[in-house]
C-alpha atoms as a PDB file:
ATOM      1  CA  MET A   1      12.585  16.081   3.726  1.00  0.00           C
ATOM      2  CA  ASP A   2      16.148  15.374   2.602  1.00  0.00           C
ATOM      3  CA  GLY A   3      15.618  14.093  -0.948  1.00  0.00           C
ATOM      4  CA  THR A   4      17.054  10.647  -0.240  1.00  0.00           C
ATOM      5  CA  LEU A   5      14.623   9.068  -2.734  1.00  0.00           C
ATOM      6  CA  LYS A   6      15.540  11.335  -5.639  1.00  0.00           C
ATOM      7  CA  GLY A   7      15.045   9.641  -8.985  1.00  0.00           C
ATOM      8  CA  ARG A   8      13.505   6.489  -7.546  1.00  0.00           C
ATOM      9  CA  ILE A   9      10.425   4.959  -9.170  1.00  0.00           C
ATOM     10  CA  ALA A  10       7.618   4.197  -6.710  1.00  0.00           C
ATOM     11  CA  LEU A  11       4.261   2.508  -7.291  1.00  0.00           C
ATOM     12  CA  VAL A  12       1.530   3.354  -4.758  1.00  0.00           C
ATOM     13  CA  THR A  13      -1.886   1.673  -4.647  1.00  0.00           C
ATOM     14  CA  GLY A  14      -4.843   3.378  -3.002  1.00  0.00           C
ATOM     15  CA  ALA A  15      -3.297   6.700  -4.043  1.00  0.00           C
ATOM     16  CA  SER A  16      -6.566   8.585  -4.562  1.00  0.00           C
ATOM     17  CA  ARG A  17      -7.141   9.353  -0.876  1.00  0.00           C
ATOM     18  CA  GLY A  18      -6.179   8.608   2.722  1.00  0.00           C
ATOM     19  CA  ILE A  19      -2.878   6.973   3.573  1.00  0.00           C
ATOM     20  CA  GLY A  20      -2.122   6.070  -0.049  1.00  0.00           C
ATOM     21  CA  ALA A  21      -2.404   9.681  -1.193  1.00  0.00           C
ATOM     22  CA  ALA A  22      -0.356  10.880   1.787  1.00  0.00           C
ATOM     23  CA  VAL A  23       2.420   8.370   1.066  1.00  0.00           C
ATOM     24  CA  ALA A  24       2.472   9.279  -2.636  1.00  0.00           C
ATOM     25  CA  LYS A  25       2.895  12.965  -1.771  1.00  0.00           C
ATOM     26  CA  ALA A  26       5.598  12.187   0.802  1.00  0.00           C
ATOM     27  CA  LEU A  27       7.508  10.081  -1.736  1.00  0.00           C
ATOM     28  CA  ALA A  28       7.362  12.929  -4.240  1.00  0.00           C
ATOM     29  CA  ARG A  29       8.657  15.400  -1.636  1.00  0.00           C
ATOM     30  CA  GLU A  30      11.639  13.098  -1.161  1.00  0.00           C
ATOM     31  CA  GLY A  31      12.342  13.230  -4.904  1.00  0.00           C
ATOM     32  CA  ALA A  32      10.737   9.961  -6.024  1.00  0.00           C
ATOM     33  CA  HIS A  33       8.498   9.655  -9.079  1.00  0.00           C
ATOM     34  CA  PRO A  34       5.282   8.024  -7.805  1.00  0.00           C
ATOM     35  CA  ILE A  35       3.025   5.968 -10.047  1.00  0.00           C
ATOM     36  CA  LEU A  36      -0.455   6.497  -8.633  1.00  0.00           C
ATOM     37  CA  ILE A  37      -2.928   3.608  -8.765  1.00  0.00           C
ATOM     38  CA  ALA A  38      -6.594   3.721  -7.744  1.00  0.00           C
ATOM     39  CA  ARG A  39     -10.028   3.231  -9.290  1.00  0.00           C
ATOM     40  CA  SER A  40     -10.975   6.902  -9.034  1.00  0.00           C
ATOM     41  CA  GLN A  41      -9.601   9.094 -11.812  1.00  0.00           C
ATOM     42  CA  GLY A  42     -10.784  12.197  -9.974  1.00  0.00           C
ATOM     43  CA  GLY A  43      -9.041  11.189  -6.758  1.00  0.00           C
ATOM     44  CA  LEU A  44      -5.809  10.453  -8.607  1.00  0.00           C
ATOM     45  CA  GLU A  45      -5.950  13.860 -10.240  1.00  0.00           C
ATOM     46  CA  GLU A  46      -6.347  15.514  -6.839  1.00  0.00           C
ATOM     47  CA  THR A  47      -3.252  13.711  -5.553  1.00  0.00           C
ATOM     48  CA  ASP A  48      -1.387  14.607  -8.743  1.00  0.00           C
ATOM     49  CA  ASP A  49      -2.385  18.274  -8.384  1.00  0.00           C
ATOM     50  CA  ALA A  50      -1.016  18.319  -4.833  1.00  0.00           C
ATOM     51  CA  ILE A  51       2.258  16.731  -5.971  1.00  0.00           C
ATOM     52  CA  ARG A  52       2.665  19.185  -8.860  1.00  0.00           C
ATOM     53  CA  ALA A  53       1.887  22.124  -6.583  1.00  0.00           C
ATOM     54  CA  GLU A  54       4.974  21.175  -4.571  1.00  0.00           C
ATOM     55  CA  GLY A  55       7.159  20.828  -7.658  1.00  0.00           C
ATOM     56  CA  GLY A  56       6.949  17.047  -8.092  1.00  0.00           C
ATOM     57  CA  GLN A  57       5.744  14.822 -10.901  1.00  0.00           C
ATOM     58  CA  ALA A  58       3.675  11.649 -10.939  1.00  0.00           C
ATOM     59  CA  THR A  59       2.217   9.125 -13.359  1.00  0.00           C
ATOM     60  CA  LEU A  60      -1.516   8.370 -13.049  1.00  0.00           C
ATOM     61  CA  LEU A  61      -2.758   4.834 -13.622  1.00  0.00           C
ATOM     62  CA  PRO A  62      -6.518   4.344 -13.038  1.00  0.00           C
ATOM     63  CA  LEU A  63      -6.894   0.644 -12.275  1.00  0.00           C
ATOM     64  CA  ASP A  64      -9.289  -1.656 -10.447  1.00  0.00           C
ATOM     65  CA  LEU A  65      -6.961  -3.987  -8.557  1.00  0.00           C
ATOM     66  CA  LEU A  66      -9.630  -6.698  -8.627  1.00  0.00           C
ATOM     67  CA  ASP A  67      -9.011  -6.899 -12.372  1.00  0.00           C
ATOM     68  CA  PHE A  68      -5.994  -9.070 -11.662  1.00  0.00           C
ATOM     69  CA  ASP A  69      -4.780  -9.451 -15.243  1.00  0.00           C
ATOM     70  CA  LYS A  70      -4.458  -5.665 -15.447  1.00  0.00           C
ATOM     71  CA  ILE A  71      -1.840  -5.862 -12.689  1.00  0.00           C
ATOM     72  CA  ASP A  72       0.320  -8.035 -14.944  1.00  0.00           C
ATOM     73  CA  GLN A  73      -0.229  -5.588 -17.803  1.00  0.00           C
ATOM     74  CA  CYS A  74       0.852  -2.785 -15.470  1.00  0.00           C
ATOM     75  CA  ALA A  75       4.115  -4.624 -14.759  1.00  0.00           C
ATOM     76  CA  PHE A  76       4.826  -4.971 -18.475  1.00  0.00           C
ATOM     77  CA  ALA A  77       4.088  -1.266 -19.007  1.00  0.00           C
ATOM     78  CA  LEU A  78       6.446  -0.247 -16.194  1.00  0.00           C
ATOM     79  CA  ALA A  79       9.162  -2.488 -17.603  1.00  0.00           C
ATOM     80  CA  GLU A  80       8.865  -0.799 -20.982  1.00  0.00           C
ATOM     81  CA  ARG A  81       8.783   2.758 -19.647  1.00  0.00           C
ATOM     82  CA  PHE A  82      11.093   2.675 -16.632  1.00  0.00           C
ATOM     83  CA  GLY A  83      12.936  -0.653 -16.811  1.00  0.00           C
ATOM     84  CA  ARG A  84      12.779  -1.115 -13.056  1.00  0.00           C
ATOM     85  CA  LEU A  85      10.756  -0.466  -9.887  1.00  0.00           C
ATOM     86  CA  ASP A  86      12.453   0.807  -6.748  1.00  0.00           C
ATOM     87  CA  ILE A  87       9.521   1.044  -4.345  1.00  0.00           C
ATOM     88  CA  LEU A  88       6.227  -0.860  -4.194  1.00  0.00           C
ATOM     89  CA  CYS A  89       3.666   0.431  -1.686  1.00  0.00           C
ATOM     90  CA  GLY A  90       0.569  -1.769  -1.409  1.00  0.00           C
ATOM     91  CA  ILE A  91      -1.809   0.445   0.584  1.00  0.00           C
ATOM     92  CA  ALA A  92      -5.223  -0.091  -1.020  1.00  0.00           C
ATOM     93  CA  GLY A  93      -7.553  -2.070   1.236  1.00  0.00           C
ATOM     94  CA  THR A  94     -11.185  -2.661   2.108  1.00  0.00           C
ATOM     95  CA  LEU A  95     -13.280  -3.552   5.129  1.00  0.00           C
ATOM     96  CA  GLY A  96     -15.675  -5.446   2.875  1.00  0.00           C
ATOM     97  CA  GLY A  97     -18.737  -3.326   3.570  1.00  0.00           C
ATOM     98  CA  GLY A  98     -18.496  -3.219   7.355  1.00  0.00           C
ATOM     99  CA  LEU A  99     -18.101  -5.339  10.483  1.00  0.00           C
ATOM    100  CA  TYR A 100     -20.007  -8.637  10.668  1.00  0.00           C
ATOM    101  CA  PRO A 101     -20.264 -11.732  12.852  1.00  0.00           C
ATOM    102  CA  ILE A 102     -18.391 -14.579  11.174  1.00  0.00           C
ATOM    103  CA  GLY A 103     -21.565 -16.261   9.941  1.00  0.00           C
ATOM    104  CA  HIS A 104     -23.162 -13.088   8.550  1.00  0.00           C
ATOM    105  CA  MET A 105     -20.574 -11.808   6.062  1.00  0.00           C
ATOM    106  CA  PRO A 106     -22.054 -11.864   2.535  1.00  0.00           C
ATOM    107  CA  VAL A 107     -20.094 -14.197   0.281  1.00  0.00           C
ATOM    108  CA  ASP A 108     -19.512 -11.625  -2.461  1.00  0.00           C
ATOM    109  CA  GLN A 109     -18.168  -9.110   0.058  1.00  0.00           C
ATOM    110  CA  MET A 110     -15.855 -11.742   1.531  1.00  0.00           C
ATOM    111  CA  ASP A 111     -14.529 -12.568  -1.925  1.00  0.00           C
ATOM    112  CA  GLY A 112     -13.950  -8.890  -2.658  1.00  0.00           C
ATOM    113  CA  LEU A 113     -12.246  -8.308   0.693  1.00  0.00           C
ATOM    114  CA  PHE A 114      -9.740 -11.115   0.213  1.00  0.00           C
ATOM    115  CA  GLY A 115      -9.400 -10.211  -3.447  1.00  0.00           C
ATOM    116  CA  LEU A 116      -8.205  -6.688  -2.675  1.00  0.00           C
ATOM    117  CA  ASN A 117      -6.432  -7.191   0.650  1.00  0.00           C
ATOM    118  CA  VAL A 118      -4.605 -10.406  -0.243  1.00  0.00           C
ATOM    119  CA  THR A 119      -4.828 -11.595  -3.851  1.00  0.00           C
ATOM    120  CA  ALA A 120      -4.181  -8.196  -5.431  1.00  0.00           C
ATOM    121  CA  ASN A 121      -1.081  -7.742  -3.268  1.00  0.00           C
ATOM    122  CA  TRP A 122       0.133 -11.213  -4.211  1.00  0.00           C
ATOM    123  CA  ARG A 123      -0.381 -10.344  -7.873  1.00  0.00           C
ATOM    124  CA  LEU A 124       1.577  -7.130  -7.329  1.00  0.00           C
ATOM    125  CA  LEU A 125       4.480  -9.027  -5.768  1.00  0.00           C
ATOM    126  CA  ARG A 126       4.314 -11.648  -8.503  1.00  0.00           C
ATOM    127  CA  GLY A 127       4.230  -9.066 -11.265  1.00  0.00           C
ATOM    128  CA  MET A 128       6.725  -6.571  -9.846  1.00  0.00           C
ATOM    129  CA  ASP A 129       9.306  -8.981  -8.436  1.00  0.00           C
ATOM    130  CA  ALA A 130      11.489  -8.941 -11.562  1.00  0.00           C
ATOM    131  CA  LEU A 131      11.397  -5.121 -11.662  1.00  0.00           C
ATOM    132  CA  LEU A 132      12.295  -4.844  -7.962  1.00  0.00           C
ATOM    133  CA  ARG A 133      15.275  -7.132  -8.591  1.00  0.00           C
ATOM    134  CA  VAL A 134      16.607  -4.739 -11.235  1.00  0.00           C
ATOM    135  CA  SER A 135      16.679  -1.932  -8.673  1.00  0.00           C
ATOM    136  CA  ASP A 136      19.800  -1.454  -6.582  1.00  0.00           C
ATOM    137  CA  ALA A 137      17.565  -1.376  -3.481  1.00  0.00           C
ATOM    138  CA  GLY A 138      14.055  -2.649  -4.180  1.00  0.00           C
ATOM    139  CA  ARG A 139      11.566  -1.991  -1.404  1.00  0.00           C
ATOM    140  CA  ALA A 140       8.157  -3.662  -1.018  1.00  0.00           C
ATOM    141  CA  ILE A 141       5.968  -2.121   1.692  1.00  0.00           C
ATOM    142  CA  PHE A 142       2.403  -3.075   2.600  1.00  0.00           C
ATOM    143  CA  ALA A 143      -0.202  -1.675   4.971  1.00  0.00           C
ATOM    144  CA  THR A 144      -1.401  -4.028   7.700  1.00  0.00           C
ATOM    145  CA  CYS A 145      -3.386  -3.664  10.930  1.00  0.00           C
ATOM    146  CA  GLY A 146      -3.079  -4.635  14.588  1.00  0.00           C
ATOM    147  CA  VAL A 147      -6.218  -6.788  14.383  1.00  0.00           C
ATOM    148  CA  SER A 148      -4.165  -9.414  12.514  1.00  0.00           C
ATOM    149  CA  THR A 149      -3.282 -10.836  15.951  1.00  0.00           C
ATOM    150  CA  GLY A 150      -5.349 -11.347  19.086  1.00  0.00           C
ATOM    151  CA  ILE A 151      -9.113 -11.775  19.465  1.00  0.00           C
ATOM    152  CA  HIS A 152     -11.252  -9.123  17.772  1.00  0.00           C
ATOM    153  CA  PRO A 153     -14.979  -9.972  17.528  1.00  0.00           C
ATOM    154  CA  PHE A 154     -16.681  -8.846  14.311  1.00  0.00           C
ATOM    155  CA  TRP A 155     -13.315  -8.064  12.725  1.00  0.00           C
ATOM    156  CA  GLY A 156     -12.639 -11.689  11.762  1.00  0.00           C
ATOM    157  CA  HIS A 157     -12.858 -11.267   7.982  1.00  0.00           C
ATOM    158  CA  TYR A 158     -10.630  -8.195   7.835  1.00  0.00           C
ATOM    159  CA  ALA A 159      -8.274  -9.613  10.479  1.00  0.00           C
ATOM    160  CA  ALA A 160      -7.905 -12.861   8.529  1.00  0.00           C
ATOM    161  CA  SER A 161      -7.049 -10.960   5.355  1.00  0.00           C
ATOM    162  CA  LYS A 162      -4.365  -8.933   7.099  1.00  0.00           C
ATOM    163  CA  ALA A 163      -2.931 -12.017   8.796  1.00  0.00           C
ATOM    164  CA  ALA A 164      -2.740 -13.682   5.382  1.00  0.00           C
ATOM    165  CA  LEU A 165      -1.042 -10.619   3.909  1.00  0.00           C
ATOM    166  CA  GLU A 166       1.520 -10.570   6.713  1.00  0.00           C
ATOM    167  CA  ALA A 167       2.312 -14.253   6.157  1.00  0.00           C
ATOM    168  CA  LEU A 168       2.709 -13.602   2.438  1.00  0.00           C
ATOM    169  CA  VAL A 169       5.032 -10.629   2.901  1.00  0.00           C
ATOM    170  CA  ARG A 170       7.149 -12.389   5.503  1.00  0.00           C
ATOM    171  CA  ALA A 171       7.578 -15.384   3.206  1.00  0.00           C
ATOM    172  CA  TYR A 172       8.611 -13.073   0.375  1.00  0.00           C
ATOM    173  CA  ALA A 173      11.041 -11.290   2.698  1.00  0.00           C
ATOM    174  CA  GLY A 174      12.684 -14.602   3.454  1.00  0.00           C
ATOM    175  CA  GLU A 175      12.898 -15.489  -0.214  1.00  0.00           C
ATOM    176  CA  VAL A 176      14.666 -12.223  -1.092  1.00  0.00           C
ATOM    177  CA  ALA A 177      16.847 -12.029   2.009  1.00  0.00           C
ATOM    178  CA  ASN A 178      20.005 -12.628  -0.024  1.00  0.00           C
ATOM    179  CA  THR A 179      19.142  -9.946  -2.579  1.00  0.00           C
ATOM    180  CA  THR A 180      18.995  -6.146  -2.355  1.00  0.00           C
ATOM    181  CA  ILE A 181      15.188  -6.260  -1.937  1.00  0.00           C
ATOM    182  CA  ARG A 182      13.607  -5.656   1.460  1.00  0.00           C
ATOM    183  CA  ALA A 183       9.926  -6.373   2.206  1.00  0.00           C
ATOM    184  CA  ASN A 184       8.144  -4.962   5.237  1.00  0.00           C
ATOM    185  CA  MET A 185       4.784  -3.770   6.531  1.00  0.00           C
ATOM    186  CA  VAL A 186       3.373  -0.734   8.297  1.00  0.00           C
ATOM    187  CA  ASP A 187       0.652  -0.790  10.945  1.00  0.00           C
ATOM    188  CA  PRO A 188      -0.404   2.881  10.968  1.00  0.00           C
ATOM    189  CA  GLY A 189      -2.612   2.534  14.036  1.00  0.00           C
ATOM    190  CA  VAL A 190      -5.705   4.701  14.449  1.00  0.00           C
ATOM    191  CA  VAL A 191      -5.891   7.084  11.479  1.00  0.00           C
ATOM    192  CA  ALA A 192      -8.673   9.266  10.065  1.00  0.00           C
ATOM    193  CA  THR A 193      -9.542   7.309   6.919  1.00  0.00           C
ATOM    194  CA  LYS A 194     -12.680   6.237   5.077  1.00  0.00           C
ATOM    195  CA  LEU A 195     -12.146   2.641   6.231  1.00  0.00           C
ATOM    196  CA  ARG A 196     -11.951   3.775   9.854  1.00  0.00           C
ATOM    197  CA  ALA A 197     -15.132   5.838   9.438  1.00  0.00           C
ATOM    198  CA  LEU A 198     -16.949   2.772   8.088  1.00  0.00           C
ATOM    199  CA  ALA A 199     -15.909   0.715  11.128  1.00  0.00           C
ATOM    200  CA  PHE A 200     -16.652   3.479  13.664  1.00  0.00           C
ATOM    201  CA  PRO A 201     -19.339   5.729  12.139  1.00  0.00           C
ATOM    202  CA  GLY A 202     -19.896   7.738  15.322  1.00  0.00           C
ATOM    203  CA  GLU A 203     -16.241   8.546  15.894  1.00  0.00           C
ATOM    204  CA  GLN A 204     -14.985  12.127  15.570  1.00  0.00           C
ATOM    205  CA  GLN A 205     -12.269  11.789  12.944  1.00  0.00           C
ATOM    206  CA  SER A 206     -10.972  15.255  13.772  1.00  0.00           C
ATOM    207  CA  THR A 207      -9.557  13.757  16.992  1.00  0.00           C
ATOM    208  CA  LEU A 208      -7.523  11.101  15.160  1.00  0.00           C
ATOM    209  CA  GLN A 209      -4.080  11.348  13.632  1.00  0.00           C
ATOM    210  CA  THR A 210      -4.096  12.256   9.958  1.00  0.00           C
ATOM    211  CA  PRO A 211      -2.729  10.122   7.092  1.00  0.00           C
ATOM    212  CA  ASP A 212       0.090  12.660   6.636  1.00  0.00           C
ATOM    213  CA  ARG A 213       1.330  11.882  10.142  1.00  0.00           C
ATOM    214  CA  VAL A 214       1.936   8.197   9.367  1.00  0.00           C
ATOM    215  CA  ALA A 215       3.342   8.602   5.833  1.00  0.00           C
ATOM    216  CA  SER A 216       6.847   8.940   7.277  1.00  0.00           C
ATOM    217  CA  LEU A 217       6.762   5.288   8.362  1.00  0.00           C
ATOM    218  CA  PHE A 218       6.517   4.224   4.728  1.00  0.00           C
ATOM    219  CA  ILE A 219       9.297   6.641   3.775  1.00  0.00           C
ATOM    220  CA  ASP A 220      11.597   5.109   6.405  1.00  0.00           C
ATOM    221  CA  LEU A 221      11.077   1.648   4.902  1.00  0.00           C
ATOM    222  CA  ALA A 222      11.486   2.942   1.344  1.00  0.00           C
ATOM    223  CA  ARG A 223      14.985   4.336   1.862  1.00  0.00           C
ATOM    224  CA  PRO A 224      17.855   2.492   0.141  1.00  0.00           C
ATOM    225  CA  ASP A 225      19.704   2.244   3.460  1.00  0.00           C
ATOM    226  CA  CYS A 226      16.786   0.520   5.248  1.00  0.00           C
ATOM    227  CA  ARG A 227      17.912  -2.875   6.574  1.00  0.00           C
ATOM    228  CA  ARG A 228      14.610  -4.074   8.050  1.00  0.00           C
ATOM    229  CA  ASN A 229      13.169  -7.175   6.402  1.00  0.00           C
ATOM    230  CA  GLY A 230       9.994  -9.123   7.149  1.00  0.00           C
ATOM    231  CA  GLN A 231       9.017  -6.724   9.921  1.00  0.00           C
ATOM    232  CA  VAL A 232       5.964  -4.700  10.903  1.00  0.00           C
ATOM    233  CA  LEU A 233       6.702  -1.059  11.688  1.00  0.00           C
ATOM    234  CA  ARG A 234       4.003   0.219  14.051  1.00  0.00           C
ATOM    235  CA  ALA A 235       2.934   3.804  14.625  1.00  0.00           C
END
């Protein structure tokens, strides 16, 4: 780590475990101050403990991203405390309870899946846009998945949500192309996460790459000198 993110303010969703926690810790190692968002207070505290053990500092913000108005309140709070946001990492996501044929997905699970994977990220962009514009190099980075393209039976609901997210982020990237903001996505590939275990319950996660191994992709896109925009960086 070379400390190229020293002093930068970074918001990370899904920071209580998996890729979100790994990215938060990697940002802190680079000198950033991560704001950790997740529903689980205990998980956030574990991530915070790991960051502090390495000499970093973080701000904990327990928040259910499906409580959309709270996202706007979060933006106001960040404006008052920090005055800007340098890095937005939208990593929280859900499989919606599992894999289903198109006609079998329960309606409430479908609503929750799109709510977290798409609407919450739109609300984050909507709420944090003004703060990213204050930064000298605002970076918006979101987690996507390779199933957003191609034919993937039983993955239709999740795939549709990620395709929608990619369309949203690419549109935003075009809208900010003439500013100092850059918006991109990361497809981490096959990683040992809770979501992956839900999709493939018989898989040996010890054989998969760990979240820490893919955190560097987010760091690359978070750097002030990153020129990518509207792209998907794949592991």
